[in-house]
Amino acid sequence: MKMPSSDSKDAIPVSLHMNGKKYDLPIDPRTTLLDCLREHLHLTGSKKGCDHGQCGACTVHINGRRQLSCLAFAALHDGDEITTIGIVAAITTATCHATGLRVRELPIKNRGPADVVNFDLTNESTAADR
């Protein structure tokens, strides 16, 4: 069966507020939020890992709550505020530069499968800094 494209007669208008910007676009109602991010908006920070909601690579924040974008239809989030990993990384980097904090990767045992940011901010210098 041929899937309708975003420019087909089945497409519906959706307004997504992504990382502080508003995007108005026609999408197929069956398009997942992850596919919308990657294929329509070219925001590739959220990854397609398992495509079954098990790995957490596609995690985004929707209205401040963690959501697996591979399990969510984009059309259901019309008007919602969505934050991707790209903006989280930019904010973390800017915070570190502004405050002099360093980013230290957490040990594997402290990570969860759907962690958005697996880093800890610290004032401690590393061996490379000494």
Foldseek 3Di string as FASTA:
>chain_A
DDDDAQPDPQWDWAWAQELNDIDTGTGHQQAFQQCCVCPVVVNPQQDDDPLPPFQQSRWKAWQNHIDRRSPHGRRVNRPIHIYALVSVVVVVVVVCVVPVWDWDADDPVPDDRNDSDRIDTHNDDDPVVD
